[in-house]
Amino acid sequence: MRAMDAAEIVFLVDNVTDSLSSTPRFVETEFARQRRRGMRWLSGGCLCCAAHGLSCLIVASSGASRHTLLFDTGPEDWVFERNAARLGVELGAVDALMLSHGHWDHGGAMPRALQMITLGNGGRPVPTFMHPDMFALRATRSADGTFRPMELVPSVEILSGSGAEVIVTRDEQLLLDETFYLSGEIPRVTGFERGFPGQYRQTATGDWEPDELMPDERFAAINVAGKGLIVFTACSHAGLVNVLSHAAARFPDIPLYGVFGGFHLSGPTEAIIPQTVEALAPFDLRLIAPGHCTGWRAVSALAAAYGDRVVPSAVGKTFRL
C-alpha cells in the first residue's frame, strides 16, 4: 500500500457532539471548524446534528495527489445532508464510497450521499463497494420470541439509480492508486469476540437463521508516512482485536498507528471490555479514536488504560495526521 504524506478525517455523522472537551493539536472541534469557516455567532442554526450512526470522510494526500473515500453515510439523508453542508465538505471530490457492513445506521443515507457527490462531480458515477451479504433482511429477537426487523440496506438498483457504480465483492481491494485498502472478510481469531449476539437474518424461504458473525463487515486502512497504518472500523462486529490482528497480519511491514470507529463494546458486549482493553496492548497504538457504538463504559476503560492516546470522535471533529 502506498505511503501518503498526510490524512484528514472529518466525522460527518456520529452518535455524539462534543466541542467542549480538550483535544490534542491535531484535532479540530466542530465549533473551531465553524469559526474558522466564518461563523460569527455561536448558534444552533450553524451546527451539526448527532445521530445514531457513523460516516467519515477520509482524505489522503501526497504531493499533488489527493484521494477521498467516503466511509459509510449514517442513518438518514437529512442528517448527512445537513452535516455535510454545515461542515463545508467538498463532496464532489469523493472518489469512492464504501459501506462497512449491512446495517441501516451506516447505509441509510447512501442514496442521498451519492446524489450529492454526483451533483458536485459533474455526474460521474461513484465506485461504491458492497459485500453480497449486506442486502439480507436482518432482525433481533425479543424476549417473547418475536423478530424485530431492521431497515434494509439500499439495493443495487437504488444505488445505481442514485449515481453509484456498484461493485459487489467479497474480495479485498486496493483503491485509488493503492491509497486505500478495503479488507475482505475478517478472520475470527480471538476466543472472546463472537460478533453481534442475538442477530438473525432471513433466508430465501422466509425462515430466520442466526447471523451473529456478520461476514459482510470490512474495514478500511491507509498508510501515513512517518506514522504507519491507520484502520477504520465502523462497528467492529467482527471484534476490534480481530480487525487489528488482520490488519497487522496483512501489512506486517507497516506498524499499526491508530484506529478509528465504533468498537461495539456496549449492550451485551460490555462483558468483553476487560479482555479487549488488555488485548490492545501488544498493538502499541499511538491513537485510539472510539466513537459511535463503542459505549461510555468502554471509552472510560480505554482512557484509564491508555491515557492521552484515546481521543474520542464526535460529529464535526476533524483529525489531521
Protein backbone atom coordinates (compact mmCIF):
# COMPACT_ATOMS: atom_id res chain seq x y z
CA MET A 1 0.00 0.00 0.00
CA ARG A 2 1.23 3.43 -0.94
CA ALA A 3 2.52 5.68 1.86
CA MET A 4 0.77 9.05 1.86
CA ASP A 5 2.15 12.27 3.31
CA ALA A 6 -0.94 13.21 5.29
CA ALA A 7 -4.53 12.31 6.07
CA GLU A 8 -7.57 14.31 7.13
CA ILE A 9 -10.59 12.58 8.67
CA VAL A 10 -13.86 14.52 9.04
CA PHE A 11 -16.71 12.95 11.02
CA LEU A 12 -19.93 13.74 9.19
CA VAL A 13 -22.13 11.54 11.39
CA ASP A 14 -21.51 10.22 14.89
CA ASN A 15 -23.56 9.49 17.99
CA VAL A 16 -22.37 12.49 19.98
CA THR A 17 -21.45 16.12 19.59
CA ASP A 18 -18.59 17.44 21.73
CA SER A 19 -16.85 20.76 21.14
CA LEU A 20 -16.11 21.47 24.82
CA SER A 21 -13.68 18.71 25.77
CA SER A 22 -9.99 19.50 25.30
CA THR A 23 -8.30 17.93 22.28
CA PRO A 24 -4.73 17.46 21.03
CA ARG A 25 -3.39 19.92 18.46
CA PHE A 26 -4.07 17.63 15.51
CA VAL A 27 -7.82 17.61 16.24
CA GLU A 28 -10.19 20.44 15.35
CA THR A 29 -13.58 20.51 17.07
CA GLU A 30 -16.84 21.33 15.32
CA PHE A 31 -17.04 24.79 16.95
CA ALA A 32 -13.45 25.59 15.93
CA ARG A 33 -14.04 24.43 12.36
CA GLN A 34 -17.14 26.58 12.05
CA ARG A 35 -15.39 29.64 13.43
CA ARG A 36 -12.53 29.11 11.00
CA ARG A 37 -15.08 28.99 8.19
CA GLY A 38 -16.57 32.33 9.22
CA MET A 39 -19.21 31.64 11.89
CA ARG A 40 -19.53 34.95 13.78
CA TRP A 41 -22.29 33.94 16.19
CA LEU A 42 -22.48 30.64 18.07
CA SER A 43 -25.89 29.34 17.10
CA GLY A 44 -27.71 26.06 16.69
CA GLY A 45 -28.50 27.14 13.16
CA CYS A 46 -24.84 26.68 12.29
CA LEU A 47 -24.15 23.35 13.93
CA CYS A 48 -24.35 19.66 13.12
CA CYS A 49 -26.77 17.06 14.38
CA ALA A 50 -25.64 13.95 16.22
CA ALA A 51 -27.40 10.71 15.25
CA HIS A 52 -27.05 7.01 15.91
CA GLY A 53 -24.70 6.06 13.10
CA LEU A 54 -21.34 6.77 11.54
CA SER A 55 -19.93 8.47 8.48
CA CYS A 56 -16.48 9.86 7.93
CA LEU A 57 -14.72 11.48 5.01
CA ILE A 58 -11.12 10.28 4.65
CA VAL A 59 -8.81 12.45 2.54
CA ALA A 60 -5.29 11.13 1.89
CA SER A 61 -2.73 13.34 0.16
CA SER A 62 0.83 13.07 -1.09
CA GLY A 63 2.36 15.94 -3.05
CA ALA A 64 -0.16 16.91 -5.72
CA SER A 65 -2.01 13.60 -5.34
CA ARG A 66 -5.22 13.68 -3.30
CA HIS A 67 -7.80 10.92 -2.91
CA THR A 68 -11.04 10.89 -0.94
CA LEU A 69 -13.04 7.94 0.40
CA LEU A 70 -16.47 8.27 1.98
CA PHE A 71 -16.64 5.60 4.68
CA ASP A 72 -20.34 4.94 5.42
CA THR A 73 -23.08 7.58 5.33
CA GLY A 74 -25.02 7.32 8.57
CA PRO A 75 -28.73 6.52 9.02
CA GLU A 76 -30.76 9.22 7.27
CA ASP A 77 -30.43 11.52 4.30
CA TRP A 78 -31.34 14.73 6.16
CA VAL A 79 -28.68 14.14 8.84
CA PHE A 80 -25.98 13.50 6.25
CA GLU A 81 -27.03 16.44 4.06
CA ARG A 82 -27.30 18.90 6.94
CA ASN A 83 -23.95 17.97 8.45
CA ALA A 84 -22.04 17.86 5.16
CA ALA A 85 -23.38 21.30 4.24
CA ARG A 86 -22.65 22.86 7.62
CA LEU A 87 -19.14 21.45 7.74
CA GLY A 88 -18.48 22.75 4.24
CA VAL A 89 -17.04 19.50 2.91
CA GLU A 90 -16.45 19.13 -0.83
CA LEU A 91 -18.49 16.04 -1.68
CA GLY A 92 -17.77 16.41 -5.38
CA ALA A 93 -14.19 15.41 -4.58
CA VAL A 94 -15.24 11.98 -3.28
CA ASP A 95 -13.55 9.33 -5.44
CA ALA A 96 -15.22 6.25 -3.94
CA LEU A 97 -17.73 5.17 -1.32
CA MET A 98 -17.75 2.02 0.78
CA LEU A 99 -20.32 0.54 3.14
CA SER A 100 -18.62 -1.20 6.03
CA HIS A 101 -21.44 -3.65 6.79
CA GLY A 102 -25.12 -4.20 6.21
CA HIS A 103 -26.77 -2.10 8.90
CA TRP A 104 -29.17 0.81 8.39
CA ASP A 105 -27.30 3.20 10.71
CA HIS A 106 -24.32 3.10 8.33
CA GLY A 107 -26.03 2.90 4.95
CA GLY A 108 -29.40 4.61 5.23
CA ALA A 109 -28.16 7.86 3.66
CA MET A 110 -26.27 6.26 0.77
CA PRO A 111 -28.71 7.28 -2.00
CA ARG A 112 -28.70 10.94 -0.96
CA ALA A 113 -24.93 10.94 -0.43
CA LEU A 114 -24.43 9.59 -3.95
CA GLN A 115 -26.76 12.21 -5.37
CA MET A 116 -24.82 14.97 -3.62
CA ILE A 117 -21.49 13.58 -4.82
CA THR A 118 -22.59 13.33 -8.45
CA LEU A 119 -24.12 16.81 -8.31
CA GLY A 120 -20.68 18.04 -7.32
CA ASN A 121 -18.60 15.99 -9.75
CA GLY A 122 -20.49 16.66 -12.96
CA GLY A 123 -22.47 13.41 -12.95
CA ARG A 124 -19.54 10.99 -12.88
CA PRO A 125 -20.52 7.56 -11.43
CA VAL A 126 -19.09 6.85 -7.97
CA PRO A 127 -17.37 3.47 -7.39
CA THR A 128 -19.34 2.04 -4.47
CA PHE A 129 -18.08 -1.08 -2.72
CA MET A 130 -20.57 -3.53 -1.22
CA HIS A 131 -20.44 -7.10 0.10
CA PRO A 132 -23.05 -9.56 -1.23
CA ASP A 133 -24.30 -10.47 2.26
CA MET A 134 -25.20 -6.87 3.11
CA PHE A 135 -28.58 -6.95 1.41
CA ALA A 136 -30.34 -9.58 3.55
CA LEU A 137 -33.17 -8.68 5.91
CA ARG A 138 -31.83 -8.73 9.47
CA ALA A 139 -33.53 -8.71 12.83
CA THR A 140 -33.06 -9.10 16.55
CA ARG A 141 -35.24 -11.38 18.64
CA SER A 142 -37.25 -10.09 21.58
CA ALA A 143 -37.81 -11.95 24.85
CA ASP A 144 -41.22 -13.19 23.68
CA GLY A 145 -39.67 -14.76 20.56
CA THR A 146 -40.87 -12.22 18.00
CA PHE A 147 -38.41 -10.83 15.46
CA ARG A 148 -37.77 -7.10 15.21
CA PRO A 149 -36.56 -6.40 11.66
CA MET A 150 -34.05 -3.70 10.70
CA GLU A 151 -34.32 -1.36 7.75
CA LEU A 152 -32.79 -2.87 4.62
CA VAL A 153 -29.59 -1.57 3.08
CA PRO A 154 -30.35 0.25 -0.23
CA SER A 155 -30.43 -2.19 -3.14
CA VAL A 156 -28.04 -2.25 -6.08
CA GLU A 157 -30.84 -0.81 -8.23
CA ILE A 158 -31.42 2.12 -5.87
CA LEU A 159 -27.70 2.81 -5.52
CA SER A 160 -27.13 2.63 -9.27
CA GLY A 161 -30.05 4.97 -9.88
CA SER A 162 -28.54 7.44 -7.40
CA GLY A 163 -25.20 7.62 -9.18
CA ALA A 164 -23.23 4.59 -7.98
CA GLU A 165 -21.05 2.25 -9.97
CA VAL A 166 -21.76 -0.66 -7.65
CA ILE A 167 -19.00 -3.22 -7.06
CA VAL A 168 -20.30 -6.22 -5.10
CA THR A 169 -17.45 -8.43 -3.92
CA ARG A 170 -16.10 -10.46 -1.02
CA ASP A 171 -12.52 -9.75 -2.07
CA GLU A 172 -10.08 -7.27 -0.61
CA GLN A 173 -9.27 -4.24 -2.74
CA LEU A 174 -6.57 -1.59 -3.14
CA LEU A 175 -8.34 1.57 -4.23
CA LEU A 176 -7.40 4.87 -5.84
CA ASP A 177 -3.77 4.39 -6.87
CA GLU A 178 -3.17 1.98 -3.97
CA THR A 179 -4.04 4.69 -1.45
CA PHE A 180 -6.82 2.87 0.44
CA TYR A 181 -7.03 -0.75 1.50
CA LEU A 182 -10.51 -2.26 1.73
CA SER A 183 -10.42 -5.57 3.53
CA GLY A 184 -12.09 -8.78 2.56
CA GLU A 185 -13.86 -10.90 5.16
CA ILE A 186 -12.18 -10.63 8.56
CA PRO A 187 -10.79 -13.84 10.11
CA ARG A 188 -12.04 -14.58 13.62
CA VAL A 189 -9.06 -15.49 15.77
CA THR A 190 -9.94 -14.43 19.31
CA GLY A 191 -11.90 -16.58 21.70
CA PHE A 192 -13.98 -13.80 23.26
CA GLU A 193 -15.22 -11.78 20.27
CA ARG A 194 -18.35 -13.50 18.99
CA GLY A 195 -19.99 -10.97 16.72
CA PHE A 196 -23.45 -9.48 17.14
CA PRO A 197 -25.22 -11.52 19.86
CA GLY A 198 -28.84 -12.23 19.07
CA GLN A 199 -28.88 -11.13 15.42
CA TYR A 200 -30.76 -13.15 12.78
CA ARG A 201 -31.13 -12.98 9.01
CA GLN A 202 -33.99 -14.08 6.80
CA THR A 203 -33.33 -16.88 4.33
CA ALA A 204 -34.70 -17.19 0.81
CA THR A 205 -37.51 -19.36 2.18
CA GLY A 206 -38.56 -16.72 4.73
CA ASP A 207 -37.12 -18.53 7.75
CA TRP A 208 -34.85 -16.86 10.29
CA GLU A 209 -31.33 -18.15 10.92
CA PRO A 210 -28.64 -16.98 13.37
CA ASP A 211 -26.42 -14.23 11.91
CA GLU A 212 -24.08 -13.26 14.72
CA LEU A 213 -20.77 -13.43 12.82
CA MET A 214 -21.66 -10.89 10.10
CA PRO A 215 -19.12 -11.93 7.45
CA ASP A 216 -20.00 -8.85 5.39
CA GLU A 217 -18.23 -6.49 7.80
CA ARG A 218 -15.00 -4.99 6.43
CA PHE A 219 -12.55 -2.28 7.43
CA ALA A 220 -10.55 0.32 5.51
CA ALA A 221 -6.95 1.39 6.09
CA ILE A 222 -4.40 3.94 4.91
CA ASN A 223 -0.64 4.21 5.36
CA VAL A 224 0.62 7.61 6.51
CA ALA A 225 4.37 8.13 6.11
CA GLY A 226 6.23 8.54 9.39
CA LYS A 227 3.28 7.15 11.36
CA GLY A 228 2.01 3.88 9.93
CA LEU A 229 -1.25 2.07 9.34
CA ILE A 230 -4.50 3.80 10.30
CA VAL A 231 -7.52 1.50 10.47
CA PHE A 232 -11.19 2.48 10.11
CA THR A 233 -13.67 0.03 11.61
CA ALA A 234 -17.25 1.22 11.65
CA CYS A 235 -18.82 -1.11 14.22
CA SER A 236 -16.30 -3.88 14.94
CA HIS A 237 -18.95 -6.60 15.00
CA ALA A 238 -16.08 -8.85 13.91
CA GLY A 239 -14.27 -7.78 17.08
CA LEU A 240 -11.83 -4.90 17.41
CA VAL A 241 -8.94 -7.23 18.19
CA ASN A 242 -9.80 -9.44 15.21
CA VAL A 243 -9.84 -6.34 12.99
CA LEU A 244 -6.45 -5.12 14.19
CA SER A 245 -4.96 -8.61 14.08
CA HIS A 246 -5.97 -8.97 10.44
CA ALA A 247 -4.63 -5.51 9.56
CA ALA A 248 -1.31 -6.30 11.23
CA ALA A 249 -1.06 -9.68 9.50
CA ARG A 250 -1.98 -8.23 6.12
CA PHE A 251 0.68 -5.50 6.33
CA PRO A 252 3.43 -6.92 8.55
CA ASP A 253 5.98 -4.34 7.39
CA ILE A 254 3.83 -1.32 8.30
CA PRO A 255 3.45 -0.53 12.02
CA LEU A 256 -0.06 0.00 13.33
CA TYR A 257 -0.51 3.64 14.31
CA GLY A 258 -4.18 4.16 15.09
CA VAL A 259 -7.77 3.02 14.86
CA PHE A 260 -10.98 4.99 14.32
CA GLY A 261 -14.58 3.92 14.58
CA GLY A 262 -17.23 2.15 16.58
CA PHE A 263 -15.88 -0.65 18.74
CA HIS A 264 -19.31 -2.04 19.75
CA LEU A 265 -18.46 -2.63 23.38
CA SER A 266 -21.93 -1.60 24.54
CA GLY A 267 -25.01 -3.63 25.43
CA PRO A 268 -24.33 -7.39 25.61
CA THR A 269 -20.71 -6.91 24.53
CA GLU A 270 -19.87 -4.78 27.57
CA ALA A 271 -18.87 -8.11 29.11
CA ILE A 272 -15.75 -8.26 26.93
CA ILE A 273 -14.45 -4.76 27.70
CA PRO A 274 -11.68 -6.02 30.04
CA GLN A 275 -10.42 -8.62 27.55
CA THR A 276 -10.50 -6.11 24.70
CA VAL A 277 -8.62 -3.41 26.62
CA GLU A 278 -5.96 -5.93 27.65
CA ALA A 279 -5.65 -7.42 24.15
CA LEU A 280 -5.00 -4.00 22.60
CA ALA A 281 -1.73 -3.53 24.48
CA PRO A 282 0.52 -5.56 22.13
CA PHE A 283 -0.53 -3.41 19.15
CA ASP A 284 1.07 -0.36 20.83
CA LEU A 285 -1.34 2.03 19.14
CA ARG A 286 -0.49 5.73 19.23
CA LEU A 287 -4.08 6.83 18.60
CA ILE A 288 -7.36 5.19 19.66
CA ALA A 289 -10.41 7.16 18.48
CA PRO A 290 -13.59 5.43 19.69
CA GLY A 291 -17.00 6.64 18.57
CA HIS A 292 -20.49 5.61 17.51
CA CYS A 293 -21.39 2.31 19.22
CA THR A 294 -18.35 1.99 21.50
CA GLY A 295 -20.27 2.94 24.66
CA TRP A 296 -19.22 5.16 27.55
CA ARG A 297 -18.07 2.29 29.75
CA ALA A 298 -15.62 1.12 27.11
CA VAL A 299 -14.39 4.66 26.39
CA SER A 300 -13.77 5.13 30.12
CA ALA A 301 -11.90 1.84 30.37
CA LEU A 302 -9.78 2.64 27.31
CA ALA A 303 -8.93 6.11 28.65
CA ALA A 304 -7.97 4.65 32.03
CA ALA A 305 -5.63 2.15 30.34
CA TYR A 306 -4.16 4.24 27.52
CA GLY A 307 -4.46 7.86 28.68
CA ASP A 308 -3.90 10.60 26.11
CA ARG A 309 -3.71 8.10 23.27
CA VAL A 310 -7.52 7.90 23.49
CA VAL A 311 -9.22 10.75 21.60
CA PRO A 312 -12.94 10.04 21.10
CA SER A 313 -14.54 11.07 17.84
CA ALA A 314 -17.66 13.26 17.62
CA VAL A 315 -19.75 14.72 14.82
CA GLY A 316 -17.93 17.63 13.19
CA LYS A 317 -14.49 16.75 14.52
CA THR A 318 -11.55 16.85 12.09
CA PHE A 319 -8.40 14.80 12.67
CA ARG A 320 -5.26 15.81 10.74
CA LEU A 321 -2.44 13.28 10.73
